[in-house]
Amino acid sequence: MSIEAALRAIKDAVLDLQAADYNTYQRPLERLSLALDRPELREVVTKLRAGADFEAFLAAADRNEGSLGSGQLKWPSDVEQEFGLVVHLIDRAAQDPNWFLDFAHTFFYSGRKIVGDIRAITKAVIVPFNRDFAAYIEDLAPVIVRLDESGATSIENDKEELLMALFRLSGADFRRASVHSAHRKLLPEWDENRRDRAMQGLLDAGDIVNVRGATCYVDISSAARRRLEYKEANSQSGPVFNIGNLTNSPLQVVGSGGHATQSTTYSNQNLRELVTFYRSNIDELQLDGNSRRKADVQIATIEAQLMDEPDPTIIKAAGKSLKTIFEGAIGGALGTAISTAPMWTSLFAGF
């Protein structure tokens, strides 16, 4: 869905560019460049940029240039290099619209008005790129999705976490909150790509609106604010779940020869504290890549359950998996050096 939205944004910008004139062509170019930099496409587009030498491409074209309009562009046969060059061209055009006019006039001269040159380069370069790049991304979509699923949390969880951070910063007086401030103050473990992807997801969903400024000040939509207020009001009095059993717990007092079972319960708040502690201290465990991915998935599962009415069976299964991973880390060579080991032990004791 997010990839489709990104491709739709590219398509819409290209359609606007096709209909633009001398006074309006700048904005579609800006929107096209921004669409190519959306979080869903950023990793792929960055690699395409890196694989294309735009300055060498321009230099080679200049050497072939004769009279006005006779310049010939030497496009590479490699499709990915061609995509990379067009991305560079779009970026340069968005940053310097006058350069774009000169480029179009030199290599796509129509013999009529300047707008004819704009439409000629759009028809010859931008429109085919839109078509072929969309097909390229659609072929890569399963790979992009798998890469996304191997990350720390799903986009839906990240959206909710960022939205809650913005909600807390906005305060009771509903002041505008900055996405960058929310990232820095409340989500410091996130990288910029994760932040930007979550922000774009919230924009697409209509949960945040009116983005302004370099640090992205936003308003939270009324519907999203009502949902968050309800969630906050009920977070402390949420249901309590039976996660596991402790047999012969040191907290029990049982007579000689006796036997008893003590139920251990975790509230919504307990589970949130578990997630927060995990985020802040997981690096200390020095898990290998495979174990870290497995642990991240289980934490994401618990977070997803906290977004709605949790299923105790799912939470228990996720907790047991986390406990197994944790016990393996504590039992390893580094176990005695882990300063937070007692806290980890306490958190997972009930699973």
Protein backbone atom coordinates (compact mmCIF):
# COMPACT_ATOMS: atom_id res chain seq x y z
CA MET A 1 0.00 0.00 0.00
CA SER A 2 2.79 2.44 0.86
CA ILE A 3 4.71 1.57 -2.31
CA GLU A 4 1.54 2.06 -4.34
CA ALA A 5 1.05 5.47 -2.72
CA ALA A 6 4.61 6.48 -3.59
CA LEU A 7 4.20 5.42 -7.23
CA ARG A 8 0.88 7.25 -7.37
CA ALA A 9 2.59 10.42 -6.11
CA ILE A 10 5.15 10.12 -8.92
CA LYS A 11 2.44 9.55 -11.50
CA ASP A 12 0.42 12.54 -10.29
CA ALA A 13 3.47 14.82 -10.42
CA VAL A 14 4.23 13.67 -13.98
CA LEU A 15 0.64 14.32 -15.06
CA ASP A 16 0.85 17.82 -13.59
CA LEU A 17 4.15 18.42 -15.38
CA GLN A 18 2.60 17.38 -18.69
CA ALA A 19 -0.13 19.98 -18.20
CA ALA A 20 2.19 22.72 -16.90
CA ASP A 21 3.24 25.87 -18.72
CA TYR A 22 6.16 28.28 -18.36
CA ASN A 23 4.74 29.74 -15.13
CA THR A 24 3.77 26.48 -13.42
CA TYR A 25 6.33 23.79 -14.33
CA GLN A 26 8.50 24.35 -11.24
CA ARG A 27 6.12 22.89 -8.65
CA PRO A 28 5.52 19.54 -10.42
CA LEU A 29 9.29 19.09 -10.65
CA GLU A 30 9.63 19.69 -6.91
CA ARG A 31 6.82 17.24 -6.16
CA LEU A 32 8.36 14.64 -8.46
CA SER A 33 11.73 14.91 -6.73
CA LEU A 34 10.07 14.65 -3.30
CA ALA A 35 8.05 11.63 -4.41
CA LEU A 36 11.23 9.83 -5.45
CA ASP A 37 12.66 10.53 -1.99
CA ARG A 38 9.74 9.00 -0.11
CA PRO A 39 10.79 6.48 2.56
CA GLU A 40 9.20 3.56 0.70
CA LEU A 41 11.49 4.14 -2.30
CA ARG A 42 14.50 5.81 -0.72
CA GLU A 43 16.78 2.78 -0.46
CA VAL A 44 16.20 1.77 -4.08
CA VAL A 45 16.47 5.32 -5.45
CA THR A 46 19.64 6.00 -3.45
CA LYS A 47 21.30 2.97 -5.05
CA LEU A 48 20.18 4.11 -8.50
CA ARG A 49 21.67 7.56 -7.91
CA ALA A 50 24.94 6.05 -6.70
CA GLY A 51 25.18 3.87 -9.81
CA ALA A 52 24.95 6.77 -12.28
CA ASP A 53 27.59 9.43 -12.99
CA PHE A 54 25.45 12.40 -13.97
CA GLU A 55 28.34 14.83 -14.45
CA ALA A 56 30.07 12.44 -16.86
CA PHE A 57 26.77 12.01 -18.70
CA LEU A 58 26.44 15.78 -19.12
CA ALA A 59 30.06 16.15 -20.21
CA ALA A 60 29.68 13.47 -22.89
CA ALA A 61 26.51 15.13 -24.15
CA ASP A 62 28.20 18.54 -24.34
CA ARG A 63 31.00 17.16 -26.51
CA ASN A 64 28.40 16.00 -29.05
CA GLU A 65 26.61 19.33 -29.08
CA GLY A 66 26.66 21.37 -32.28
CA SER A 67 24.08 23.95 -33.26
CA LEU A 68 21.03 24.75 -31.16
CA GLY A 69 18.89 21.69 -30.60
CA SER A 70 21.39 19.27 -32.16
CA GLY A 71 22.83 18.02 -28.88
CA GLN A 72 22.56 14.27 -28.45
CA LEU A 73 22.32 12.54 -25.08
CA LYS A 74 24.23 9.28 -24.77
CA TRP A 75 21.94 7.16 -22.65
CA PRO A 76 23.45 3.95 -21.25
CA SER A 77 22.09 0.55 -22.26
CA ASP A 78 21.84 -0.49 -18.60
CA VAL A 79 18.31 0.25 -17.38
CA GLU A 80 19.30 0.94 -13.77
CA GLN A 81 21.98 3.42 -14.86
CA GLU A 82 19.41 5.15 -17.05
CA PHE A 83 16.99 5.36 -14.11
CA GLY A 84 19.77 6.80 -11.97
CA LEU A 85 20.54 9.49 -14.55
CA VAL A 86 16.89 10.49 -14.83
CA VAL A 87 16.63 10.70 -11.03
CA HIS A 88 19.68 13.00 -11.02
CA LEU A 89 18.09 15.06 -13.79
CA ILE A 90 14.85 15.42 -11.84
CA ASP A 91 16.70 16.38 -8.66
CA ARG A 92 18.76 19.01 -10.50
CA ALA A 93 15.66 20.36 -12.22
CA ALA A 94 13.79 20.67 -8.92
CA GLN A 95 16.70 22.54 -7.35
CA ASP A 96 17.37 24.78 -10.37
CA PRO A 97 14.38 25.20 -12.73
CA ASN A 98 16.37 27.58 -14.96
CA TRP A 99 18.96 24.86 -15.52
CA PHE A 100 16.10 22.56 -16.57
CA LEU A 101 14.93 25.13 -19.13
CA ASP A 102 18.43 25.45 -20.59
CA PHE A 103 18.84 21.67 -20.70
CA ALA A 104 15.47 21.21 -22.43
CA HIS A 105 16.22 24.02 -24.89
CA THR A 106 19.60 22.47 -25.77
CA PHE A 107 18.59 18.84 -26.17
CA PHE A 108 14.82 18.93 -26.76
CA TYR A 109 14.38 22.12 -28.78
CA SER A 110 10.89 22.18 -30.29
CA GLY A 111 11.26 25.23 -32.51
CA ARG A 112 8.31 26.91 -30.83
CA LYS A 113 7.85 28.52 -27.42
CA ILE A 114 9.80 27.58 -24.30
CA VAL A 115 6.84 25.56 -23.04
CA GLY A 116 7.30 23.36 -26.10
CA ASP A 117 10.80 22.44 -24.90
CA ILE A 118 9.41 21.60 -21.44
CA ARG A 119 6.77 19.34 -22.93
CA ALA A 120 9.26 17.75 -25.32
CA ILE A 121 11.63 16.65 -22.52
CA THR A 122 8.67 15.56 -20.42
CA LYS A 123 7.36 13.39 -23.26
CA ALA A 124 10.76 11.97 -24.22
CA VAL A 125 12.31 11.40 -20.78
CA ILE A 126 9.96 11.88 -17.82
CA VAL A 127 6.89 10.01 -19.08
CA PRO A 128 8.83 6.87 -20.15
CA PHE A 129 10.69 6.97 -16.83
CA ASN A 130 7.39 7.08 -14.92
CA ARG A 131 6.13 4.01 -16.79
CA ASP A 132 9.32 1.94 -16.66
CA PHE A 133 10.27 2.88 -13.10
CA ALA A 134 6.82 1.85 -11.84
CA ALA A 135 7.23 -1.57 -13.49
CA TYR A 136 10.74 -1.87 -12.01
CA ILE A 137 9.52 -1.10 -8.49
CA GLU A 138 6.55 -3.46 -8.81
CA ASP A 139 8.96 -6.26 -9.73
CA LEU A 140 11.06 -5.38 -6.67
CA ALA A 141 8.06 -4.96 -4.35
CA PRO A 142 8.28 -8.45 -2.74
CA VAL A 143 11.96 -7.81 -1.94
CA ILE A 144 11.19 -4.36 -0.51
CA VAL A 145 8.41 -5.83 1.64
CA ARG A 146 10.69 -8.59 2.95
CA LEU A 147 13.34 -6.02 3.83
CA ASP A 148 10.71 -3.99 5.63
CA GLU A 149 9.47 -6.99 7.60
CA SER A 150 12.99 -7.77 8.83
CA GLY A 151 13.17 -4.33 10.50
CA ALA A 152 12.55 -3.60 14.15
CA THR A 153 8.83 -2.93 13.86
CA SER A 154 6.14 -2.78 11.23
CA ILE A 155 5.17 0.55 9.71
CA GLU A 156 1.82 0.43 11.49
CA ASN A 157 3.47 0.17 14.88
CA ASP A 158 5.91 2.95 14.02
CA LYS A 159 3.08 5.20 12.90
CA GLU A 160 1.26 4.71 16.20
CA GLU A 161 4.42 5.24 18.23
CA LEU A 162 5.30 8.47 16.42
CA LEU A 163 1.72 9.71 16.67
CA MET A 164 1.71 9.11 20.42
CA ALA A 165 5.04 10.95 20.75
CA LEU A 166 3.60 13.94 18.88
CA PHE A 167 0.47 13.80 21.03
CA ARG A 168 2.52 13.97 24.22
CA LEU A 169 4.60 16.87 22.95
CA SER A 170 1.53 18.82 21.86
CA GLY A 171 0.21 18.94 25.43
CA ALA A 172 -3.22 19.89 26.73
CA ASP A 173 -3.18 23.19 24.84
CA PHE A 174 -2.94 21.38 21.48
CA ARG A 175 0.19 23.27 20.40
CA ARG A 176 1.86 22.13 17.19
CA ALA A 177 4.51 19.46 17.67
CA SER A 178 7.66 18.87 15.62
CA VAL A 179 8.28 15.42 14.14
CA HIS A 180 12.02 15.97 14.48
CA SER A 181 11.64 16.92 18.16
CA ALA A 182 9.50 13.86 18.81
CA HIS A 183 12.18 11.74 17.19
CA ARG A 184 15.02 13.34 19.15
CA LYS A 185 13.31 13.45 22.55
CA LEU A 186 11.08 10.38 22.63
CA LEU A 187 12.31 8.02 19.90
CA PRO A 188 16.11 8.41 19.97
CA GLU A 189 16.75 4.82 18.87
CA TRP A 190 15.11 5.46 15.47
CA ASP A 191 17.12 6.42 12.41
CA GLU A 192 15.95 9.15 10.03
CA ASN A 193 14.57 6.72 7.44
CA ARG A 194 12.36 5.07 10.03
CA ARG A 195 11.14 8.45 11.26
CA ASP A 196 10.39 9.72 7.77
CA ARG A 197 8.57 6.55 6.76
CA ALA A 198 6.38 6.71 9.86
CA MET A 199 5.66 10.40 9.22
CA GLN A 200 4.69 9.70 5.62
CA GLY A 201 2.43 6.89 6.78
CA LEU A 202 0.66 9.26 9.18
CA LEU A 203 0.26 11.82 6.40
CA ASP A 204 -1.17 9.20 4.05
CA ALA A 205 -3.61 8.08 6.75
CA GLY A 206 -4.66 11.66 7.52
CA ASP A 207 -3.59 11.37 11.17
CA ILE A 208 -1.31 14.41 10.86
CA VAL A 209 -1.81 17.44 8.62
CA ASN A 210 -0.33 20.86 7.78
CA VAL A 211 3.38 20.02 7.73
CA ARG A 212 5.45 23.19 8.09
CA GLY A 213 9.11 24.09 8.49
CA ALA A 214 12.41 22.24 8.30
CA THR A 215 11.69 20.29 11.49
CA CYS A 216 8.20 19.32 10.29
CA TYR A 217 5.75 20.93 12.71
CA VAL A 218 2.36 19.26 12.31
CA ASP A 219 -1.21 19.29 13.58
CA ILE A 220 -2.78 16.07 14.80
CA SER A 221 -6.15 15.47 13.15
CA SER A 222 -9.20 15.64 15.39
CA ALA A 223 -10.04 11.97 14.79
CA ALA A 224 -6.51 10.84 15.68
CA ARG A 225 -6.48 13.07 18.79
CA ARG A 226 -9.77 11.59 20.03
CA ARG A 227 -8.40 8.09 19.53
CA LEU A 228 -5.23 8.90 21.45
CA GLU A 229 -7.13 10.62 24.28
CA TYR A 230 -9.30 7.54 24.67
CA LYS A 231 -6.25 5.29 24.62
CA GLU A 232 -4.48 7.39 27.25
CA ALA A 233 -7.54 7.48 29.49
CA ASN A 234 -7.83 3.70 29.44
CA SER A 235 -4.16 2.72 29.51
CA GLN A 236 -3.84 2.62 33.28
CA SER A 237 -7.06 0.73 33.88
CA GLY A 238 -6.70 -1.76 31.05
CA PRO A 239 -7.27 -5.49 31.43
CA VAL A 240 -4.80 -7.70 33.25
CA PHE A 241 -3.58 -10.84 31.52
CA ASN A 242 -2.48 -14.14 33.00
CA ILE A 243 0.81 -14.74 31.23
CA GLY A 244 2.30 -17.68 33.05
CA ASN A 245 2.77 -19.52 36.32
CA LEU A 246 5.50 -19.49 38.93
CA THR A 247 5.70 -22.71 40.89
CA ASN A 248 7.31 -22.64 44.38
CA SER A 249 8.03 -18.94 43.92
CA PRO A 250 10.16 -17.31 46.63
CA LEU A 251 7.28 -14.86 47.03
CA GLN A 252 5.08 -17.65 48.36
CA VAL A 253 5.02 -19.00 51.88
CA VAL A 254 4.18 -22.70 51.72
CA GLY A 255 4.29 -25.15 54.57
CA SER A 256 6.67 -28.08 54.64
CA GLY A 257 5.72 -30.66 52.06
CA GLY A 258 3.18 -28.31 50.56
CA HIS A 259 2.80 -27.33 46.90
CA ALA A 260 1.28 -24.22 45.40
CA THR A 261 1.05 -22.37 42.09
CA GLN A 262 1.17 -18.59 41.86
CA SER A 263 -0.29 -16.82 38.81
CA THR A 264 1.77 -13.96 37.41
CA THR A 265 -0.07 -11.12 35.70
CA TYR A 266 1.05 -8.34 33.38
CA SER A 267 -1.02 -5.21 32.81
CA ASN A 268 -0.92 -3.01 29.72
CA GLN A 269 1.45 -0.70 31.58
CA ASN A 270 3.76 -3.60 32.48
CA LEU A 271 3.96 -4.62 28.85
CA ARG A 272 4.67 -1.06 27.74
CA GLU A 273 7.48 -0.87 30.29
CA LEU A 274 8.85 -4.14 28.90
CA VAL A 275 8.88 -2.68 25.39
CA THR A 276 10.52 0.57 26.56
CA PHE A 277 13.19 -1.27 28.55
CA TYR A 278 13.89 -3.51 25.57
CA ARG A 279 14.35 -0.55 23.23
CA SER A 280 16.76 1.16 25.63
CA ASN A 281 18.87 -1.85 26.64
CA ILE A 282 18.75 -4.50 23.92
CA ASP A 283 22.14 -3.50 22.48
CA GLU A 284 23.81 -4.55 25.72
CA LEU A 285 22.89 -8.19 25.03
CA GLN A 286 25.01 -8.13 21.84
CA LEU A 287 22.71 -10.58 20.06
CA ASP A 288 23.74 -12.01 16.72
CA GLY A 289 21.81 -10.74 13.70
CA ASN A 290 19.37 -13.64 13.53
CA SER A 291 18.53 -13.56 17.24
CA ARG A 292 18.13 -9.77 17.17
CA ARG A 293 15.67 -9.99 14.28
CA LYS A 294 13.67 -12.67 16.09
CA ALA A 295 13.59 -10.60 19.27
CA ASP A 296 12.54 -7.46 17.39
CA VAL A 297 9.68 -9.36 15.76
CA GLN A 298 8.39 -10.58 19.14
CA ILE A 299 8.54 -7.07 20.61
CA ALA A 300 6.69 -5.80 17.54
CA THR A 301 4.06 -8.48 18.15
CA ILE A 302 3.54 -7.28 21.73
CA GLU A 303 3.36 -3.65 20.56
CA ALA A 304 0.78 -4.56 17.93
CA GLN A 305 -1.34 -6.31 20.55
CA LEU A 306 -1.29 -3.21 22.75
CA MET A 307 -2.86 -1.17 19.96
CA ASP A 308 -6.16 -3.00 20.42
CA GLU A 309 -7.71 -5.62 22.72
CA PRO A 310 -4.70 -7.89 23.35
CA ASP A 311 -4.83 -11.66 22.93
CA PRO A 312 -3.21 -13.25 26.02
CA THR A 313 -2.21 -16.34 24.02
CA ILE A 314 -0.26 -14.27 21.50
CA ILE A 315 1.40 -12.19 24.22
CA LYS A 316 2.38 -15.31 26.15
CA ALA A 317 3.91 -16.93 23.06
CA ALA A 318 5.87 -13.77 22.22
CA GLY A 319 7.07 -13.48 25.81
CA LYS A 320 8.27 -17.08 25.87
CA SER A 321 10.23 -16.57 22.66
CA LEU A 322 11.84 -13.43 24.08
CA LYS A 323 12.68 -15.25 27.30
CA THR A 324 14.41 -18.04 25.36
CA ILE A 325 16.50 -15.53 23.41
CA PHE A 326 17.35 -13.62 26.60
CA GLU A 327 18.38 -16.75 28.49
CA GLY A 328 20.68 -17.70 25.63
CA ALA A 329 22.39 -14.31 25.83
CA ILE A 330 22.74 -14.40 29.61
CA GLY A 331 24.09 -17.94 29.44
CA GLY A 332 26.79 -16.95 26.93
CA ALA A 333 30.29 -15.74 27.54
CA LEU A 334 29.14 -12.15 28.00
CA GLY A 335 26.41 -13.02 30.47
CA THR A 336 28.28 -11.96 33.60
CA ALA A 337 29.13 -8.59 32.03
CA ILE A 338 25.51 -7.60 31.40
CA SER A 339 24.74 -4.99 34.03
CA THR A 340 20.99 -5.08 33.43
CA ALA A 341 20.73 -8.88 33.77
CA PRO A 342 18.67 -8.67 37.00
CA MET A 343 16.15 -6.39 35.32
CA TRP A 344 15.88 -8.69 32.30
CA THR A 345 15.37 -11.64 34.61
CA SER A 346 12.62 -9.82 36.48
CA LEU A 347 10.84 -8.75 33.28
CA PHE A 348 10.71 -12.24 31.81
CA ALA A 349 10.14 -14.17 35.04
CA GLY A 350 6.42 -14.59 34.45
CA PHE A 351 6.55 -15.95 30.92
